Amino acid sequence: MRIGVVSPSSKPKSERLLKGLSLLREHESQLIVGRSCFHYLSPRERADELTMMEEICDVLLCSRGGCGCFQLARYLDRGFRVPICGYSDITFLLLWQYAHGEKAFHGPMLCDFHRPSDIEPSFISFLQKEAKLPFRYLGMKNALPIHPGKASGRLVAANLSLLMMCLPFFGDKILEDSVLLLEDVSESVDSIERYLWAMMRYPAFSKVKGIVFSAFTETRGGSNDYSLRKVLKDALSKPEIPCFIGFPAYHGKYRKNCLPIGETVEIDSEAGTVTLLSYGGIQWNS
């Protein structure tokens, strides 16, 4: 498998880049590293690099997030024929792929690789389409249910602030029949409350099947004397769709799950689990 390493948002720090490349080479010898990983490129140059890399790679792995992915939009006119993997600011490209009927993974980026266990077991096996259905993802012991129940739908995993930026661009139909998995970093209780308030007022939100709040890391306090947990609970007091807090797909140093955007998943909010039911054109039926 030929993995193209690209930086469509911000350029990575050299030590993090080299560490990630070293670890990944132990599993995959065919790595093609884009110029964007070493030099600042203009938005047009970054867009052109992605277009060039899709011709010679089987998957495009982003090195890191940062800021600037949305700047590529004016230079793109279609989805990429190979999957793109990343999260955070890469949410724009994940939703771009989804909106154009192409593949994307909300998953670890190159600079998340600190040890061999960060790469296996799920990351490489998903990229090589070796996951066996139904696939239950590694969850968290302290997951907190907000509304009990099970729900299934098309997985839309995203950074909350980027999702809210992208909805006017892509249209709120991407919310229809979805199970949302949301995370963010360096926001405040106030900003998260505002994002949720706005998201729930899009017409298509009424067709959301379930929600997983993965985690909101490095969250700053708000203007009022209540917690983020209360904000999340209150935001979904109505409608009462299955929802829970806590799933390993967020910012931080740990092994992240690799989640194929647009595939069918089932969540169990009481158990705190996410189970993949379709992948690569195969649908699992119980």
C-alpha atoms as a PDB file:
ATOM      1  CA  MET A   1       0.000   0.000   0.000  1.00  0.00           C
ATOM      2  CA  ARG A   2       1.316   3.425  -0.979  1.00  0.00           C
ATOM      3  CA  ILE A   3       0.673   6.022   1.719  1.00  0.00           C
ATOM      4  CA  GLY A   4       0.995   9.671   0.785  1.00  0.00           C
ATOM      5  CA  VAL A   5       1.809  11.954   3.717  1.00  0.00           C
ATOM      6  CA  VAL A   6       0.532  15.499   3.223  1.00  0.00           C
ATOM      7  CA  SER A   7      -0.011  18.705   5.207  1.00  0.00           C
ATOM      8  CA  PRO A   8      -3.066  20.456   3.751  1.00  0.00           C
ATOM      9  CA  SER A   9      -3.551  22.597   6.880  1.00  0.00           C
ATOM     10  CA  SER A  10      -0.395  23.543   8.806  1.00  0.00           C
ATOM     11  CA  LYS A  11       3.210  22.372   8.460  1.00  0.00           C
ATOM     12  CA  PRO A  12       4.286  19.902  11.180  1.00  0.00           C
ATOM     13  CA  LYS A  13       7.237  20.292  13.511  1.00  0.00           C
ATOM     14  CA  SER A  14      10.186  18.421  12.060  1.00  0.00           C
ATOM     15  CA  GLU A  15      10.807  16.197  15.100  1.00  0.00           C
ATOM     16  CA  ARG A  16       7.173  15.047  15.212  1.00  0.00           C
ATOM     17  CA  LEU A  17       7.180  14.448  11.462  1.00  0.00           C
ATOM     18  CA  LEU A  18      10.364  12.365  11.508  1.00  0.00           C
ATOM     19  CA  LYS A  19       9.194  10.323  14.502  1.00  0.00           C
ATOM     20  CA  GLY A  20       5.909   9.495  12.807  1.00  0.00           C
ATOM     21  CA  LEU A  21       7.592   8.610   9.526  1.00  0.00           C
ATOM     22  CA  SER A  22      10.048   6.324  11.307  1.00  0.00           C
ATOM     23  CA  LEU A  23       7.272   4.418  13.072  1.00  0.00           C
ATOM     24  CA  LEU A  24       5.101   4.141   9.981  1.00  0.00           C
ATOM     25  CA  ARG A  25       7.987   2.841   7.864  1.00  0.00           C
ATOM     26  CA  GLU A  26       8.203  -0.162  10.201  1.00  0.00           C
ATOM     27  CA  HIS A  27       4.746  -1.155   8.937  1.00  0.00           C
ATOM     28  CA  GLU A  28       4.672   0.320   5.444  1.00  0.00           C
ATOM     29  CA  SER A  29       7.748   0.790   3.264  1.00  0.00           C
ATOM     30  CA  GLN A  30       5.980   2.728   0.502  1.00  0.00           C
ATOM     31  CA  LEU A  31       5.707   6.215   1.931  1.00  0.00           C
ATOM     32  CA  ILE A  32       5.520   9.235  -0.350  1.00  0.00           C
ATOM     33  CA  VAL A  33       6.001  12.479   1.569  1.00  0.00           C
ATOM     34  CA  GLY A  34       4.681  15.702   0.087  1.00  0.00           C
ATOM     35  CA  ARG A  35       6.565  19.005  -0.039  1.00  0.00           C
ATOM     36  CA  SER A  36       3.920  20.522   2.220  1.00  0.00           C
ATOM     37  CA  CYS A  37       5.399  18.540   5.119  1.00  0.00           C
ATOM     38  CA  PHE A  38       8.687  20.464   4.847  1.00  0.00           C
ATOM     39  CA  HIS A  39       7.823  23.841   3.317  1.00  0.00           C
ATOM     40  CA  TYR A  40       5.016  26.357   3.552  1.00  0.00           C
ATOM     41  CA  LEU A  41       2.907  26.083   0.409  1.00  0.00           C
ATOM     42  CA  SER A  42       0.183  28.405  -0.787  1.00  0.00           C
ATOM     43  CA  PRO A  43      -3.409  27.105  -0.778  1.00  0.00           C
ATOM     44  CA  ARG A  44      -3.236  26.508  -4.537  1.00  0.00           C
ATOM     45  CA  GLU A  45       0.039  24.598  -4.173  1.00  0.00           C
ATOM     46  CA  ARG A  46      -1.415  22.444  -1.387  1.00  0.00           C
ATOM     47  CA  ALA A  47      -4.494  21.687  -3.504  1.00  0.00           C
ATOM     48  CA  ASP A  48      -2.302  20.819  -6.491  1.00  0.00           C
ATOM     49  CA  GLU A  49      -0.192  18.547  -4.303  1.00  0.00           C
ATOM     50  CA  LEU A  50      -3.260  16.570  -3.206  1.00  0.00           C
ATOM     51  CA  THR A  51      -4.349  16.199  -6.829  1.00  0.00           C
ATOM     52  CA  MET A  52      -0.897  14.994  -7.823  1.00  0.00           C
ATOM     53  CA  MET A  53      -0.563  12.623  -4.855  1.00  0.00           C
ATOM     54  CA  GLU A  54      -3.879  10.887  -5.501  1.00  0.00           C
ATOM     55  CA  GLU A  55      -2.456   9.632  -8.805  1.00  0.00           C
ATOM     56  CA  ILE A  56       0.434   7.790  -7.140  1.00  0.00           C
ATOM     57  CA  CYS A  57      -0.951   6.877  -3.688  1.00  0.00           C
ATOM     58  CA  ASP A  58      -3.602   4.550  -2.255  1.00  0.00           C
ATOM     59  CA  VAL A  59      -4.428   6.785   0.703  1.00  0.00           C
ATOM     60  CA  LEU A  60      -3.583  10.342   1.792  1.00  0.00           C
ATOM     61  CA  LEU A  61      -2.553  10.561   5.445  1.00  0.00           C
ATOM     62  CA  CYS A  62      -2.462  14.072   6.870  1.00  0.00           C
ATOM     63  CA  SER A  63       0.508  14.907   9.067  1.00  0.00           C
ATOM     64  CA  ARG A  64      -1.404  17.216  11.433  1.00  0.00           C
ATOM     65  CA  GLY A  65      -4.292  19.661  11.674  1.00  0.00           C
ATOM     66  CA  GLY A  66      -3.801  23.311  12.536  1.00  0.00           C
ATOM     67  CA  CYS A  67      -5.585  25.835  10.334  1.00  0.00           C
ATOM     68  CA  GLY A  68      -6.069  26.456   6.645  1.00  0.00           C
ATOM     69  CA  CYS A  69      -7.701  23.400   5.075  1.00  0.00           C
ATOM     70  CA  PHE A  70     -10.739  25.431   4.042  1.00  0.00           C
ATOM     71  CA  GLN A  71      -8.471  27.681   1.949  1.00  0.00           C
ATOM     72  CA  LEU A  72      -8.186  24.859  -0.586  1.00  0.00           C
ATOM     73  CA  ALA A  73     -11.893  24.942  -1.494  1.00  0.00           C
ATOM     74  CA  ARG A  74     -11.576  27.488  -4.311  1.00  0.00           C
ATOM     75  CA  TYR A  75      -9.000  25.290  -6.043  1.00  0.00           C
ATOM     76  CA  LEU A  76     -10.943  22.008  -5.836  1.00  0.00           C
ATOM     77  CA  ASP A  77     -13.742  20.935  -8.153  1.00  0.00           C
ATOM     78  CA  ARG A  78     -14.272  17.275  -7.192  1.00  0.00           C
ATOM     79  CA  GLY A  79     -13.589  14.718  -4.505  1.00  0.00           C
ATOM     80  CA  PHE A  80     -10.346  12.753  -4.358  1.00  0.00           C
ATOM     81  CA  ARG A  81     -10.463   9.167  -5.610  1.00  0.00           C
ATOM     82  CA  VAL A  82      -8.344   7.905  -2.721  1.00  0.00           C
ATOM     83  CA  PRO A  83      -9.293   8.146   0.978  1.00  0.00           C
ATOM     84  CA  ILE A  84      -8.096  11.018   3.151  1.00  0.00           C
ATOM     85  CA  CYS A  85      -7.335  10.348   6.821  1.00  0.00           C
ATOM     86  CA  GLY A  86      -7.176  12.954   9.589  1.00  0.00           C
ATOM     87  CA  TYR A  87      -9.266  14.963  12.039  1.00  0.00           C
ATOM     88  CA  SER A  88      -9.358  18.428  13.644  1.00  0.00           C
ATOM     89  CA  ASP A  89      -8.884  21.034  10.870  1.00  0.00           C
ATOM     90  CA  ILE A  90      -8.898  18.165   8.358  1.00  0.00           C
ATOM     91  CA  THR A  91     -12.644  17.938   9.059  1.00  0.00           C
ATOM     92  CA  PHE A  92     -13.125  20.204   6.040  1.00  0.00           C
ATOM     93  CA  LEU A  93     -11.550  17.643   3.700  1.00  0.00           C
ATOM     94  CA  LEU A  94     -13.397  14.751   5.370  1.00  0.00           C
ATOM     95  CA  LEU A  95     -16.718  16.480   4.733  1.00  0.00           C
ATOM     96  CA  TRP A  96     -15.571  17.498   1.247  1.00  0.00           C
ATOM     97  CA  GLN A  97     -14.988  13.836   0.443  1.00  0.00           C
ATOM     98  CA  TYR A  98     -18.306  12.808   1.977  1.00  0.00           C
ATOM     99  CA  ALA A  99     -20.246  15.488   0.105  1.00  0.00           C
ATOM    100  CA  HIS A 100     -18.695  14.303  -3.171  1.00  0.00           C
ATOM    101  CA  GLY A 101     -19.314  10.595  -2.566  1.00  0.00           C
ATOM    102  CA  GLU A 102     -15.673   9.726  -1.876  1.00  0.00           C
ATOM    103  CA  LYS A 103     -13.974   7.988   1.056  1.00  0.00           C
ATOM    104  CA  ALA A 104     -12.517   9.565   4.176  1.00  0.00           C
ATOM    105  CA  PHE A 105     -11.405   8.472   7.639  1.00  0.00           C
ATOM    106  CA  HIS A 106     -11.697  10.404  10.876  1.00  0.00           C
ATOM    107  CA  GLY A 107      -8.539   8.909  12.309  1.00  0.00           C
ATOM    108  CA  PRO A 108      -5.005   9.405  13.572  1.00  0.00           C
ATOM    109  CA  MET A 109      -2.561  11.655  11.768  1.00  0.00           C
ATOM    110  CA  LEU A 110       1.134  11.042  11.287  1.00  0.00           C
ATOM    111  CA  CYS A 111       2.186  13.255  14.203  1.00  0.00           C
ATOM    112  CA  ASP A 112      -0.082  11.220  16.514  1.00  0.00           C
ATOM    113  CA  PHE A 113       2.240   8.235  16.169  1.00  0.00           C
ATOM    114  CA  HIS A 114       4.414   8.140  19.290  1.00  0.00           C
ATOM    115  CA  ARG A 115       4.784   4.344  19.653  1.00  0.00           C
ATOM    116  CA  PRO A 116       4.121   1.269  17.463  1.00  0.00           C
ATOM    117  CA  SER A 117       0.866   0.530  19.307  1.00  0.00           C
ATOM    118  CA  ASP A 118      -0.539   3.823  17.985  1.00  0.00           C
ATOM    119  CA  ILE A 119      -0.507   2.345  14.482  1.00  0.00           C
ATOM    120  CA  GLU A 120      -1.916  -1.118  15.119  1.00  0.00           C
ATOM    121  CA  PRO A 121      -4.288  -2.837  15.379  1.00  0.00           C
ATOM    122  CA  SER A 122      -7.014  -0.740  13.769  1.00  0.00           C
ATOM    123  CA  PHE A 123      -5.251   1.908  11.694  1.00  0.00           C
ATOM    124  CA  ILE A 124      -3.422  -0.165   9.081  1.00  0.00           C
ATOM    125  CA  SER A 125      -6.088  -2.876   8.991  1.00  0.00           C
ATOM    126  CA  PHE A 126      -8.736  -0.289   8.131  1.00  0.00           C
ATOM    127  CA  LEU A 127      -6.648   1.268   5.394  1.00  0.00           C
ATOM    128  CA  GLN A 128      -6.082  -2.211   3.947  1.00  0.00           C
ATOM    129  CA  LYS A 129      -9.818  -3.029   4.230  1.00  0.00           C
ATOM    130  CA  GLU A 130      -9.161  -5.954   6.579  1.00  0.00           C
ATOM    131  CA  ALA A 131     -11.708  -5.009   9.248  1.00  0.00           C
ATOM    132  CA  LYS A 132     -14.246  -7.788   9.861  1.00  0.00           C
ATOM    133  CA  LEU A 133     -17.886  -6.869  10.408  1.00  0.00           C
ATOM    134  CA  PRO A 134     -19.441  -6.202  12.798  1.00  0.00           C
ATOM    135  CA  PHE A 135     -16.440  -4.305  14.183  1.00  0.00           C
ATOM    136  CA  ARG A 136     -16.804  -2.978  17.720  1.00  0.00           C
ATOM    137  CA  TYR A 137     -14.432  -0.118  18.405  1.00  0.00           C
ATOM    138  CA  LEU A 138     -12.387   0.187  21.545  1.00  0.00           C
ATOM    139  CA  GLY A 139     -14.414   2.349  23.906  1.00  0.00           C
ATOM    140  CA  MET A 140     -13.848   4.130  27.215  1.00  0.00           C
ATOM    141  CA  LYS A 141     -14.625   2.689  30.648  1.00  0.00           C
ATOM    142  CA  ASN A 142     -15.949   5.995  31.952  1.00  0.00           C
ATOM    143  CA  ALA A 143     -18.361   6.726  29.083  1.00  0.00           C
ATOM    144  CA  LEU A 144     -21.389   8.642  30.359  1.00  0.00           C
ATOM    145  CA  PRO A 145     -24.853   8.080  28.842  1.00  0.00           C
ATOM    146  CA  ILE A 146     -27.011  11.172  28.336  1.00  0.00           C
ATOM    147  CA  HIS A 147     -30.016   9.467  26.734  1.00  0.00           C
ATOM    148  CA  PRO A 148     -30.149   5.642  26.872  1.00  0.00           C
ATOM    149  CA  GLY A 149     -30.837   3.636  23.766  1.00  0.00           C
ATOM    150  CA  LYS A 150     -29.433   2.328  20.509  1.00  0.00           C
ATOM    151  CA  ALA A 151     -29.316   4.073  17.155  1.00  0.00           C
ATOM    152  CA  SER A 152     -27.874   3.326  13.738  1.00  0.00           C
ATOM    153  CA  GLY A 153     -27.051   5.665  10.903  1.00  0.00           C
ATOM    154  CA  ARG A 154     -24.334   6.997   8.631  1.00  0.00           C
ATOM    155  CA  LEU A 155     -21.248   8.010  10.587  1.00  0.00           C
ATOM    156  CA  VAL A 156     -20.342  11.689  10.410  1.00  0.00           C
ATOM    157  CA  ALA A 157     -17.337  12.278  12.673  1.00  0.00           C
ATOM    158  CA  ALA A 158     -16.156  15.865  12.903  1.00  0.00           C
ATOM    159  CA  ASN A 159     -14.574  18.648  14.859  1.00  0.00           C
ATOM    160  CA  LEU A 160     -17.553  20.620  16.193  1.00  0.00           C
ATOM    161  CA  SER A 161     -16.320  24.117  15.336  1.00  0.00           C
ATOM    162  CA  LEU A 162     -15.265  23.002  11.831  1.00  0.00           C
ATOM    163  CA  LEU A 163     -18.596  21.268  11.310  1.00  0.00           C
ATOM    164  CA  MET A 164     -20.409  24.492  12.128  1.00  0.00           C
ATOM    165  CA  MET A 165     -18.138  26.377   9.722  1.00  0.00           C
ATOM    166  CA  CYS A 166     -18.788  23.817   6.976  1.00  0.00           C
ATOM    167  CA  LEU A 167     -22.567  23.420   7.244  1.00  0.00           C
ATOM    168  CA  PRO A 168     -23.353  26.627   5.297  1.00  0.00           C
ATOM    169  CA  PHE A 169     -20.854  25.542   2.631  1.00  0.00           C
ATOM    170  CA  PHE A 170     -21.890  21.902   2.194  1.00  0.00           C
ATOM    171  CA  GLY A 171     -25.509  22.221   3.286  1.00  0.00           C
ATOM    172  CA  ASP A 172     -27.157  20.622   6.285  1.00  0.00           C
ATOM    173  CA  LYS A 173     -28.164  17.491   4.334  1.00  0.00           C
ATOM    174  CA  ILE A 174     -24.941  15.920   5.575  1.00  0.00           C
ATOM    175  CA  LEU A 175     -26.713  15.672   8.948  1.00  0.00           C
ATOM    176  CA  GLU A 176     -29.588  13.565   7.607  1.00  0.00           C
ATOM    177  CA  ASP A 177     -29.791   9.973   8.918  1.00  0.00           C
ATOM    178  CA  SER A 178     -26.439  10.445  10.620  1.00  0.00           C
ATOM    179  CA  VAL A 179     -24.814   9.350  13.818  1.00  0.00           C
ATOM    180  CA  LEU A 180     -22.699  12.344  14.786  1.00  0.00           C
ATOM    181  CA  LEU A 181     -19.384  11.881  16.566  1.00  0.00           C
ATOM    182  CA  LEU A 182     -18.146  15.259  17.753  1.00  0.00           C
ATOM    183  CA  GLU A 183     -14.934  16.492  19.366  1.00  0.00           C
ATOM    184  CA  ASP A 184     -12.998  19.725  19.727  1.00  0.00           C
ATOM    185  CA  VAL A 185      -9.994  21.297  21.405  1.00  0.00           C
ATOM    186  CA  SER A 186      -9.156  24.666  22.975  1.00  0.00           C
ATOM    187  CA  GLU A 187     -12.743  25.892  22.928  1.00  0.00           C
ATOM    188  CA  SER A 188     -14.661  27.411  25.852  1.00  0.00           C
ATOM    189  CA  VAL A 189     -17.846  26.238  27.523  1.00  0.00           C
ATOM    190  CA  ASP A 190     -19.500  29.314  25.991  1.00  0.00           C
ATOM    191  CA  SER A 191     -18.413  28.583  22.411  1.00  0.00           C
ATOM    192  CA  ILE A 192     -19.409  24.914  22.615  1.00  0.00           C
ATOM    193  CA  GLU A 193     -22.827  25.920  23.919  1.00  0.00           C
ATOM    194  CA  ARG A 194     -23.236  28.355  21.007  1.00  0.00           C
ATOM    195  CA  TYR A 195     -22.175  25.762  18.416  1.00  0.00           C
ATOM    196  CA  LEU A 196     -24.652  23.200  19.743  1.00  0.00           C
ATOM    197  CA  TRP A 197     -27.456  25.756  19.877  1.00  0.00           C
ATOM    198  CA  ALA A 198     -26.842  26.683  16.228  1.00  0.00           C
ATOM    199  CA  MET A 199     -26.435  23.087  15.023  1.00  0.00           C
ATOM    200  CA  MET A 200     -29.722  21.992  16.546  1.00  0.00           C
ATOM    201  CA  ARG A 201     -31.574  24.701  14.636  1.00  0.00           C
ATOM    202  CA  TYR A 202     -30.631  23.427  11.204  1.00  0.00           C
ATOM    203  CA  PRO A 203     -33.707  21.733   9.678  1.00  0.00           C
ATOM    204  CA  ALA A 204     -31.840  18.488   8.958  1.00  0.00           C
ATOM    205  CA  PHE A 205     -30.845  18.094  12.620  1.00  0.00           C
ATOM    206  CA  SER A 206     -34.285  16.582  13.250  1.00  0.00           C
ATOM    207  CA  LYS A 207     -33.113  13.582  11.185  1.00  0.00           C
ATOM    208  CA  VAL A 208     -29.967  12.922  13.252  1.00  0.00           C
ATOM    209  CA  LYS A 209     -30.217   9.403  14.705  1.00  0.00           C
ATOM    210  CA  GLY A 210     -27.715   9.625  17.555  1.00  0.00           C
ATOM    211  CA  ILE A 211     -24.767  11.589  18.930  1.00  0.00           C
ATOM    212  CA  VAL A 212     -21.448  10.676  20.520  1.00  0.00           C
ATOM    213  CA  PHE A 213     -19.544  13.460  22.243  1.00  0.00           C
ATOM    214  CA  SER A 214     -16.054  12.012  21.939  1.00  0.00           C
ATOM    215  CA  ALA A 215     -14.313  14.587  24.173  1.00  0.00           C
ATOM    216  CA  PHE A 216     -13.638  18.303  24.370  1.00  0.00           C
ATOM    217  CA  THR A 217     -10.026  18.698  25.444  1.00  0.00           C
ATOM    218  CA  GLU A 218      -8.403  21.772  26.989  1.00  0.00           C
ATOM    219  CA  THR A 219     -11.809  23.418  27.373  1.00  0.00           C
ATOM    220  CA  ARG A 220     -11.773  26.837  29.015  1.00  0.00           C
ATOM    221  CA  GLY A 221     -14.349  27.903  31.566  1.00  0.00           C
ATOM    222  CA  GLY A 222     -17.392  29.846  30.527  1.00  0.00           C
ATOM    223  CA  SER A 223     -19.055  33.082  31.574  1.00  0.00           C
ATOM    224  CA  ASN A 224     -21.636  31.261  33.673  1.00  0.00           C
ATOM    225  CA  ASP A 225     -21.253  28.997  36.678  1.00  0.00           C
ATOM    226  CA  TYR A 226     -22.088  25.668  35.067  1.00  0.00           C
ATOM    227  CA  SER A 227     -20.041  22.842  33.626  1.00  0.00           C
ATOM    228  CA  LEU A 228     -19.492  21.565  30.112  1.00  0.00           C
ATOM    229  CA  ARG A 229     -21.234  18.337  31.088  1.00  0.00           C
ATOM    230  CA  LYS A 230     -24.362  20.321  31.958  1.00  0.00           C
ATOM    231  CA  VAL A 231     -24.177  22.110  28.602  1.00  0.00           C
ATOM    232  CA  LEU A 232     -24.041  18.790  26.745  1.00  0.00           C
ATOM    233  CA  LYS A 233     -26.914  17.331  28.746  1.00  0.00           C
ATOM    234  CA  ASP A 234     -29.101  20.416  28.443  1.00  0.00           C
ATOM    235  CA  ALA A 235     -28.452  20.803  24.728  1.00  0.00           C
ATOM    236  CA  LEU A 236     -29.970  17.389  24.061  1.00  0.00           C
ATOM    237  CA  SER A 237     -32.789  17.482  26.581  1.00  0.00           C
ATOM    238  CA  LYS A 238     -35.002  17.537  23.479  1.00  0.00           C
ATOM    239  CA  PRO A 239     -35.015  15.668  21.178  1.00  0.00           C
ATOM    240  CA  GLU A 240     -34.142  12.633  23.275  1.00  0.00           C
ATOM    241  CA  ILE A 241     -32.018  10.706  20.802  1.00  0.00           C
ATOM    242  CA  PRO A 242     -29.447   8.138  22.006  1.00  0.00           C
ATOM    243  CA  CYS A 243     -26.356  10.004  23.125  1.00  0.00           C
ATOM    244  CA  PHE A 244     -23.294   9.474  25.313  1.00  0.00           C
ATOM    245  CA  ILE A 245     -20.068  11.212  26.287  1.00  0.00           C
ATOM    246  CA  GLY A 246     -16.641   9.578  25.964  1.00  0.00           C
ATOM    247  CA  PHE A 247     -15.090   7.815  22.957  1.00  0.00           C
ATOM    248  CA  PRO A 248     -11.404   7.613  21.925  1.00  0.00           C
ATOM    249  CA  ALA A 249     -11.413   9.787  18.811  1.00  0.00           C
ATOM    250  CA  TYR A 250     -10.234  13.203  19.972  1.00  0.00           C
ATOM    251  CA  HIS A 251      -7.117  15.334  20.551  1.00  0.00           C
ATOM    252  CA  GLY A 252      -4.542  13.815  22.884  1.00  0.00           C
ATOM    253  CA  LYS A 253      -1.726  11.281  23.179  1.00  0.00           C
ATOM    254  CA  TYR A 254      -3.382   7.862  22.991  1.00  0.00           C
ATOM    255  CA  ARG A 255      -4.365   5.298  20.350  1.00  0.00           C
ATOM    256  CA  LYS A 256      -7.137   6.786  18.233  1.00  0.00           C
ATOM    257  CA  ASN A 257      -9.877   4.885  16.459  1.00  0.00           C
ATOM    258  CA  CYS A 258     -10.055   5.006  12.663  1.00  0.00           C
ATOM    259  CA  LEU A 259     -13.626   5.816  11.612  1.00  0.00           C
ATOM    260  CA  PRO A 260     -14.829   5.586   7.982  1.00  0.00           C
ATOM    261  CA  ILE A 261     -17.065   8.567   7.224  1.00  0.00           C
ATOM    262  CA  GLY A 262     -20.457   7.710   5.738  1.00  0.00           C
ATOM    263  CA  GLU A 263     -20.467   4.035   6.708  1.00  0.00           C
ATOM    264  CA  THR A 264     -23.255   2.583   8.874  1.00  0.00           C
ATOM    265  CA  VAL A 265     -22.617   2.367  12.606  1.00  0.00           C
ATOM    266  CA  GLU A 266     -24.698   1.449  15.624  1.00  0.00           C
ATOM    267  CA  ILE A 267     -24.227   3.163  18.961  1.00  0.00           C
ATOM    268  CA  ASP A 268     -25.350   1.878  22.347  1.00  0.00           C
ATOM    269  CA  SER A 269     -25.354   4.841  24.686  1.00  0.00           C
ATOM    270  CA  GLU A 270     -25.736   2.774  27.865  1.00  0.00           C
ATOM    271  CA  ALA A 271     -22.771   0.568  26.981  1.00  0.00           C
ATOM    272  CA  GLY A 272     -20.808   3.458  25.454  1.00  0.00           C
ATOM    273  CA  THR A 273     -20.054   1.488  22.294  1.00  0.00           C
ATOM    274  CA  VAL A 274     -19.748   2.230  18.583  1.00  0.00           C
ATOM    275  CA  THR A 275     -20.032  -0.743  16.205  1.00  0.00           C
ATOM    276  CA  LEU A 276     -19.275  -0.581  12.495  1.00  0.00           C
ATOM    277  CA  LEU A 277     -21.924  -2.378  10.396  1.00  0.00           C
ATOM    278  CA  SER A 278     -20.805  -1.547   6.851  1.00  0.00           C
ATOM    279  CA  TYR A 279     -17.447  -1.014   5.210  1.00  0.00           C
ATOM    280  CA  GLY A 280     -16.065  -1.016   1.690  1.00  0.00           C
ATOM    281  CA  GLY A 281     -19.401  -1.888   0.093  1.00  0.00           C
ATOM    282  CA  ILE A 282     -20.139  -4.737   2.528  1.00  0.00           C
ATOM    283  CA  GLN A 283     -23.151  -4.516   4.850  1.00  0.00           C
ATOM    284  CA  TRP A 284     -23.434  -6.721   7.939  1.00  0.00           C
ATOM    285  CA  ASN A 285     -26.876  -8.092   8.736  1.00  0.00           C
ATOM    286  CA  SER A 286     -27.573  -9.727  12.086  1.00  0.00           C
END
